[in-house]
Amino acid sequence: MSTALSLAMLVSLALIGGAFYLWRRPGYRRQAVLMLVAAAVALFNVAIWTLPDGEGRSPVGQLATGQ
């Protein structure tokens, strides 16, 4: 699971970098915005899996302990 989360973080960073590159090119603004949206979705998914709840348990932590 940690490999998938690491890949999601790397992909989101690559999408953000590509979006900034495309933003400067004329005619590619829509693709740049879509890349930013895709990066936001990936980052949100990583946050859902890693951030703990009110009791201090995260979903990825529960997978590691087998609960």
PDB file of N, CA and C in Angstrom:
ATOM      1  N   MET A   1       0.823  -1.187   0.000  1.00  0.00           N
ATOM      2  CA  MET A   1       0.000   0.000   0.000  1.00  0.00           C
ATOM      3  C   MET A   1       0.873   1.260   0.000  1.00  0.00           C
ATOM      4  N   SER A   2       1.981   1.200   0.707  1.00  0.00           N
ATOM      5  CA  SER A   2       2.845   2.387   0.749  1.00  0.00           C
ATOM      6  C   SER A   2       3.441   2.679  -0.626  1.00  0.00           C
ATOM      7  N   THR A   3       3.651   1.650  -1.435  1.00  0.00           N
ATOM      8  CA  THR A   3       4.155   1.869  -2.788  1.00  0.00           C
ATOM      9  C   THR A   3       3.128   2.615  -3.633  1.00  0.00           C
ATOM     10  N   ALA A   4       1.868   2.241  -3.499  1.00  0.00           N
ATOM     11  CA  ALA A   4       0.811   2.916  -4.260  1.00  0.00           C
ATOM     12  C   ALA A   4       0.672   4.375  -3.825  1.00  0.00           C
ATOM     13  N   LEU A   5       0.773   4.628  -2.531  1.00  0.00           N
ATOM     14  CA  LEU A   5       0.681   6.007  -2.049  1.00  0.00           C
ATOM     15  C   LEU A   5       1.884   6.828  -2.500  1.00  0.00           C
ATOM     16  N   SER A   6       3.055   6.215  -2.506  1.00  0.00           N
ATOM     17  CA  SER A   6       4.254   6.916  -2.985  1.00  0.00           C
ATOM     18  C   SER A   6       4.141   7.246  -4.471  1.00  0.00           C
ATOM     19  N   LEU A   7       3.647   6.295  -5.240  1.00  0.00           N
ATOM     20  CA  LEU A   7       3.456   6.547  -6.669  1.00  0.00           C
ATOM     21  C   LEU A   7       2.410   7.629  -6.915  1.00  0.00           C
ATOM     22  N   ALA A   8       1.357   7.645  -6.123  1.00  0.00           N
ATOM     23  CA  ALA A   8       0.332   8.692  -6.268  1.00  0.00           C
ATOM     24  C   ALA A   8       0.924  10.069  -5.978  1.00  0.00           C
ATOM     25  N   MET A   9       1.800  10.148  -4.987  1.00  0.00           N
ATOM     26  CA  MET A   9       2.442  11.430  -4.695  1.00  0.00           C
ATOM     27  C   MET A   9       3.364  11.854  -5.836  1.00  0.00           C
ATOM     28  N   LEU A  10       4.152  10.929  -6.369  1.00  0.00           N
ATOM     29  CA  LEU A  10       5.046  11.257  -7.480  1.00  0.00           C
ATOM     30  C   LEU A  10       4.275  11.658  -8.729  1.00  0.00           C
ATOM     31  N   VAL A  11       3.192  10.955  -9.002  1.00  0.00           N
ATOM     32  CA  VAL A  11       2.372  11.291 -10.166  1.00  0.00           C
ATOM     33  C   VAL A  11       1.734  12.665 -10.002  1.00  0.00           C
ATOM     34  N   SER A  12       1.261  12.971  -8.798  1.00  0.00           N
ATOM     35  CA  SER A  12       0.642  14.282  -8.594  1.00  0.00           C
ATOM     36  C   SER A  12       1.670  15.403  -8.743  1.00  0.00           C
ATOM     37  N   LEU A  13       2.898  15.175  -8.279  1.00  0.00           N
ATOM     38  CA  LEU A  13       3.939  16.198  -8.474  1.00  0.00           C
ATOM     39  C   LEU A  13       4.274  16.366  -9.958  1.00  0.00           C
ATOM     40  N   ALA A  14       4.322  15.257 -10.690  1.00  0.00           N
ATOM     41  CA  ALA A  14       4.574  15.342 -12.126  1.00  0.00           C
ATOM     42  C   ALA A  14       3.426  16.051 -12.845  1.00  0.00           C
ATOM     43  N   LEU A  15       2.195  15.786 -12.430  1.00  0.00           N
ATOM     44  CA  LEU A  15       1.048  16.465 -13.041  1.00  0.00           C
ATOM     45  C   LEU A  15       1.083  17.967 -12.773  1.00  0.00           C
ATOM     46  N   ILE A  16       1.452  18.350 -11.573  1.00  0.00           N
ATOM     47  CA  ILE A  16       1.538  19.779 -11.243  1.00  0.00           C
ATOM     48  C   ILE A  16       2.631  20.447 -12.074  1.00  0.00           C
ATOM     49  N   GLY A  17       3.785  19.777 -12.183  1.00  0.00           N
ATOM     50  CA  GLY A  17       4.861  20.334 -12.999  1.00  0.00           C
ATOM     51  C   GLY A  17       4.470  20.448 -14.461  1.00  0.00           C
ATOM     52  N   GLY A  18       3.813  19.425 -14.985  1.00  0.00           N
ATOM     53  CA  GLY A  18       3.358  19.477 -16.366  1.00  0.00           C
ATOM     54  C   GLY A  18       2.297  20.533 -16.596  1.00  0.00           C
ATOM     55  N   ALA A  19       1.456  20.738 -15.603  1.00  0.00           N
ATOM     56  CA  ALA A  19       0.418  21.771 -15.732  1.00  0.00           C
ATOM     57  C   ALA A  19       1.036  23.161 -15.796  1.00  0.00           C
ATOM     58  N   PHE A  20       2.051  23.407 -14.974  1.00  0.00           N
ATOM     59  CA  PHE A  20       2.712  24.716 -15.029  1.00  0.00           C
ATOM     60  C   PHE A  20       3.434  24.910 -16.361  1.00  0.00           C
ATOM     61  N   TYR A  21       4.008  23.839 -16.893  1.00  0.00           N
ATOM     62  CA  TYR A  21       4.650  23.926 -18.198  1.00  0.00           C
ATOM     63  C   TYR A  21       3.623  24.246 -19.289  1.00  0.00           C
ATOM     64  N   LEU A  22       2.493  23.536 -19.273  1.00  0.00           N
ATOM     65  CA  LEU A  22       1.467  23.765 -20.296  1.00  0.00           C
ATOM     66  C   LEU A  22       0.774  25.112 -20.141  1.00  0.00           C
ATOM     67  N   TRP A  23       0.697  25.622 -18.923  1.00  0.00           N
ATOM     68  CA  TRP A  23       0.011  26.899 -18.682  1.00  0.00           C
ATOM     69  C   TRP A  23       0.698  28.034 -19.450  1.00  0.00           C
ATOM     70  N   ARG A  24       2.017  27.924 -19.595  1.00  0.00           N
ATOM     71  CA  ARG A  24       2.762  28.983 -20.269  1.00  0.00           C
ATOM     72  C   ARG A  24       2.657  28.897 -21.790  1.00  0.00           C
ATOM     73  N   ARG A  25       2.233  27.760 -22.313  1.00  0.00           N
ATOM     74  CA  ARG A  25       2.096  27.595 -23.754  1.00  0.00           C
ATOM     75  C   ARG A  25       0.707  28.041 -24.186  1.00  0.00           C
ATOM     76  N   PRO A  26       0.616  28.819 -25.230  1.00  0.00           N
ATOM     77  CA  PRO A  26      -0.707  29.259 -25.679  1.00  0.00           C
ATOM     78  C   PRO A  26      -1.522  28.106 -26.245  1.00  0.00           C
ATOM     79  N   GLY A  27      -2.804  28.063 -25.870  1.00  0.00           N
ATOM     80  CA  GLY A  27      -3.716  27.068 -26.397  1.00  0.00           C
ATOM     81  C   GLY A  27      -3.817  25.802 -25.568  1.00  0.00           C
ATOM     82  N   TYR A  28      -3.102  25.709 -24.463  1.00  0.00           N
ATOM     83  CA  TYR A  28      -3.123  24.498 -23.651  1.00  0.00           C
ATOM     84  C   TYR A  28      -3.623  24.750 -22.232  1.00  0.00           C
ATOM     85  N   ARG A  29      -4.371  25.808 -22.042  1.00  0.00           N
ATOM     86  CA  ARG A  29      -4.843  26.136 -20.692  1.00  0.00           C
ATOM     87  C   ARG A  29      -5.809  25.087 -20.151  1.00  0.00           C
ATOM     88  N   ARG A  30      -6.705  24.576 -20.986  1.00  0.00           N
ATOM     89  CA  ARG A  30      -7.686  23.595 -20.527  1.00  0.00           C
ATOM     90  C   ARG A  30      -6.995  22.309 -20.065  1.00  0.00           C
ATOM     91  N   GLN A  31      -6.001  21.865 -20.812  1.00  0.00           N
ATOM     92  CA  GLN A  31      -5.270  20.666 -20.421  1.00  0.00           C
ATOM     93  C   GLN A  31      -4.521  20.891 -19.115  1.00  0.00           C
ATOM     94  N   ALA A  32      -3.981  22.096 -18.930  1.00  0.00           N
ATOM     95  CA  ALA A  32      -3.270  22.415 -17.695  1.00  0.00           C
ATOM     96  C   ALA A  32      -4.217  22.382 -16.499  1.00  0.00           C
ATOM     97  N   VAL A  33      -5.402  22.919 -16.665  1.00  0.00           N
ATOM     98  CA  VAL A  33      -6.382  22.902 -15.577  1.00  0.00           C
ATOM     99  C   VAL A  33      -6.809  21.470 -15.268  1.00  0.00           C
ATOM    100  N   LEU A  34      -7.013  20.658 -16.297  1.00  0.00           N
ATOM    101  CA  LEU A  34      -7.390  19.268 -16.080  1.00  0.00           C
ATOM    102  C   LEU A  34      -6.282  18.488 -15.377  1.00  0.00           C
ATOM    103  N   MET A  35      -5.030  18.802 -15.693  1.00  0.00           N
ATOM    104  CA  MET A  35      -3.920  18.163 -15.001  1.00  0.00           C
ATOM    105  C   MET A  35      -3.891  18.563 -13.531  1.00  0.00           C
ATOM    106  N   LEU A  36      -4.191  19.812 -13.236  1.00  0.00           N
ATOM    107  CA  LEU A  36      -4.246  20.249 -11.843  1.00  0.00           C
ATOM    108  C   LEU A  36      -5.390  19.570 -11.096  1.00  0.00           C
ATOM    109  N   VAL A  37      -6.512  19.388 -11.761  1.00  0.00           N
ATOM    110  CA  VAL A  37      -7.641  18.691 -11.133  1.00  0.00           C
ATOM    111  C   VAL A  37      -7.272  17.239 -10.849  1.00  0.00           C
ATOM    112  N   ALA A  38      -6.609  16.583 -11.792  1.00  0.00           N
ATOM    113  CA  ALA A  38      -6.189  15.198 -11.583  1.00  0.00           C
ATOM    114  C   ALA A  38      -5.188  15.096 -10.431  1.00  0.00           C
ATOM    115  N   ALA A  39      -4.283  16.060 -10.331  1.00  0.00           N
ATOM    116  CA  ALA A  39      -3.321  16.072  -9.228  1.00  0.00           C
ATOM    117  C   ALA A  39      -4.037  16.275  -7.896  1.00  0.00           C
ATOM    118  N   ALA A  40      -5.041  17.143  -7.875  1.00  0.00           N
ATOM    119  CA  ALA A  40      -5.795  17.375  -6.644  1.00  0.00           C
ATOM    120  C   ALA A  40      -6.538  16.115  -6.211  1.00  0.00           C
ATOM    121  N   VAL A  41      -7.093  15.383  -7.159  1.00  0.00           N
ATOM    122  CA  VAL A  41      -7.784  14.139  -6.829  1.00  0.00           C
ATOM    123  C   VAL A  41      -6.810  13.123  -6.242  1.00  0.00           C
ATOM    124  N   ALA A  42      -5.636  13.004  -6.842  1.00  0.00           N
ATOM    125  CA  ALA A  42      -4.632  12.063  -6.335  1.00  0.00           C
ATOM    126  C   ALA A  42      -4.179  12.461  -4.930  1.00  0.00           C
ATOM    127  N   LEU A  43      -3.944  13.749  -4.698  1.00  0.00           N
ATOM    128  CA  LEU A  43      -3.525  14.208  -3.372  1.00  0.00           C
ATOM    129  C   LEU A  43      -4.631  14.018  -2.342  1.00  0.00           C
ATOM    130  N   PHE A  44      -5.867  14.208  -2.749  1.00  0.00           N
ATOM    131  CA  PHE A  44      -6.983  14.001  -1.836  1.00  0.00           C
ATOM    132  C   PHE A  44      -7.102  12.534  -1.446  1.00  0.00           C
ATOM    133  N   ASN A  45      -6.879  11.641  -2.399  1.00  0.00           N
ATOM    134  CA  ASN A  45      -6.907  10.214  -2.088  1.00  0.00           C
ATOM    135  C   ASN A  45      -5.789   9.830  -1.126  1.00  0.00           C
ATOM    136  N   VAL A  46      -4.617  10.373  -1.307  1.00  0.00           N
ATOM    137  CA  VAL A  46      -3.512  10.104  -0.383  1.00  0.00           C
ATOM    138  C   VAL A  46      -3.865  10.629   1.008  1.00  0.00           C
ATOM    139  N   ALA A  47      -4.475  11.804   1.058  1.00  0.00           N
ATOM    140  CA  ALA A  47      -4.862  12.366   2.360  1.00  0.00           C
ATOM    141  C   ALA A  47      -5.910  11.499   3.049  1.00  0.00           C
ATOM    142  N   ILE A  48      -6.856  10.985   2.306  1.00  0.00           N
ATOM    143  CA  ILE A  48      -7.888  10.125   2.899  1.00  0.00           C
ATOM    144  C   ILE A  48      -7.248   8.892   3.526  1.00  0.00           C
ATOM    145  N   TRP A  49      -6.269   8.306   2.850  1.00  0.00           N
ATOM    146  CA  TRP A  49      -5.658   7.075   3.341  1.00  0.00           C
ATOM    147  C   TRP A  49      -4.678   7.297   4.481  1.00  0.00           C
ATOM    148  N   THR A  50      -4.084   8.491   4.585  1.00  0.00           N
ATOM    149  CA  THR A  50      -3.010   8.669   5.562  1.00  0.00           C
ATOM    150  C   THR A  50      -3.391   9.499   6.780  1.00  0.00           C
ATOM    151  N   LEU A  51      -4.344  10.394   6.665  1.00  0.00           N
ATOM    152  CA  LEU A  51      -4.682  11.238   7.808  1.00  0.00           C
ATOM    153  C   LEU A  51      -5.481  10.451   8.844  1.00  0.00           C
ATOM    154  N   PRO A  52      -5.129  10.607  10.127  1.00  0.00           N
ATOM    155  CA  PRO A  52      -5.841   9.853  11.161  1.00  0.00           C
ATOM    156  C   PRO A  52      -7.213  10.457  11.470  1.00  0.00           C
ATOM    157  N   ASP A  53      -8.091   9.609  12.028  1.00  0.00           N
ATOM    158  CA  ASP A  53      -9.407  10.076  12.452  1.00  0.00           C
ATOM    159  C   ASP A  53      -9.306  10.636  13.868  1.00  0.00           C
ATOM    160  N   GLY A  54     -10.427  10.853  14.515  1.00  0.00           N
ATOM    161  CA  GLY A  54     -10.452  11.429  15.859  1.00  0.00           C
ATOM    162  C   GLY A  54      -9.794  10.556  16.909  1.00  0.00           C
ATOM    163  N   GLU A  55      -9.731   9.262  16.667  1.00  0.00           N
ATOM    164  CA  GLU A  55      -9.117   8.338  17.614  1.00  0.00           C
ATOM    165  C   GLU A  55      -7.655   8.058  17.292  1.00  0.00           C
ATOM    166  N   GLY A  56      -7.116   8.710  16.269  1.00  0.00           N
ATOM    167  CA  GLY A  56      -5.714   8.553  15.928  1.00  0.00           C
ATOM    168  C   GLY A  56      -5.397   7.375  15.032  1.00  0.00           C
ATOM    169  N   ARG A  57      -6.414   6.800  14.381  1.00  0.00           N
ATOM    170  CA  ARG A  57      -6.198   5.665  13.492  1.00  0.00           C
ATOM    171  C   ARG A  57      -6.358   6.109  12.054  1.00  0.00           C
ATOM    172  N   SER A  58      -5.413   5.715  11.222  1.00  0.00           N
ATOM    173  CA  SER A  58      -5.523   6.000   9.791  1.00  0.00           C
ATOM    174  C   SER A  58      -5.838   4.700   9.059  1.00  0.00           C
ATOM    175  N   PRO A  59      -6.503   4.757   7.914  1.00  0.00           N
ATOM    176  CA  PRO A  59      -6.807   3.527   7.177  1.00  0.00           C
ATOM    177  C   PRO A  59      -5.564   2.734   6.798  1.00  0.00           C
ATOM    178  N   VAL A  60      -4.506   3.409   6.400  1.00  0.00           N
ATOM    179  CA  VAL A  60      -3.302   2.692   6.027  1.00  0.00           C
ATOM    180  C   VAL A  60      -2.639   2.086   7.259  1.00  0.00           C
ATOM    181  N   GLY A  61      -2.773   2.712   8.399  1.00  0.00           N
ATOM    182  CA  GLY A  61      -2.253   2.156   9.634  1.00  0.00           C
ATOM    183  C   GLY A  61      -3.032   0.927  10.080  1.00  0.00           C
ATOM    184  N   GLN A  62      -4.326   0.944   9.844  1.00  0.00           N
ATOM    185  CA  GLN A  62      -5.151  -0.213  10.186  1.00  0.00           C
ATOM    186  C   GLN A  62      -4.844  -1.395   9.290  1.00  0.00           C
ATOM    187  N   LEU A  63      -4.485  -1.124   8.034  1.00  0.00           N
ATOM    188  CA  LEU A  63      -4.074  -2.223   7.140  1.00  0.00           C
ATOM    189  C   LEU A  63      -2.766  -2.844   7.614  1.00  0.00           C
ATOM    190  N   ALA A  64      -1.875  -2.007   8.121  1.00  0.00           N
ATOM    191  CA  ALA A  64      -0.576  -2.500   8.560  1.00  0.00           C
ATOM    192  C   ALA A  64      -0.697  -3.369   9.803  1.00  0.00           C
ATOM    193  N   THR A  65      -1.651  -3.037  10.680  1.00  0.00           N
ATOM    194  CA  THR A  65      -1.810  -3.822  11.907  1.00  0.00           C
ATOM    195  C   THR A  65      -2.779  -4.972  11.740  1.00  0.00           C
ATOM    196  N   GLY A  66      -3.497  -5.024  10.642  1.00  0.00           N
ATOM    197  CA  GLY A  66      -4.409  -6.130  10.381  1.00  0.00           C
ATOM    198  C   GLY A  66      -5.745  -6.014  11.088  1.00  0.00           C
ATOM    199  N   GLN A  67      -6.150  -4.828  11.461  1.00  0.00           N
ATOM    200  CA  GLN A  67      -7.435  -4.646  12.150  1.00  0.00           C
ATOM    201  C   GLN A  67      -8.560  -4.505  11.175  1.00  0.00           C
TER     202      GLN A  67
END
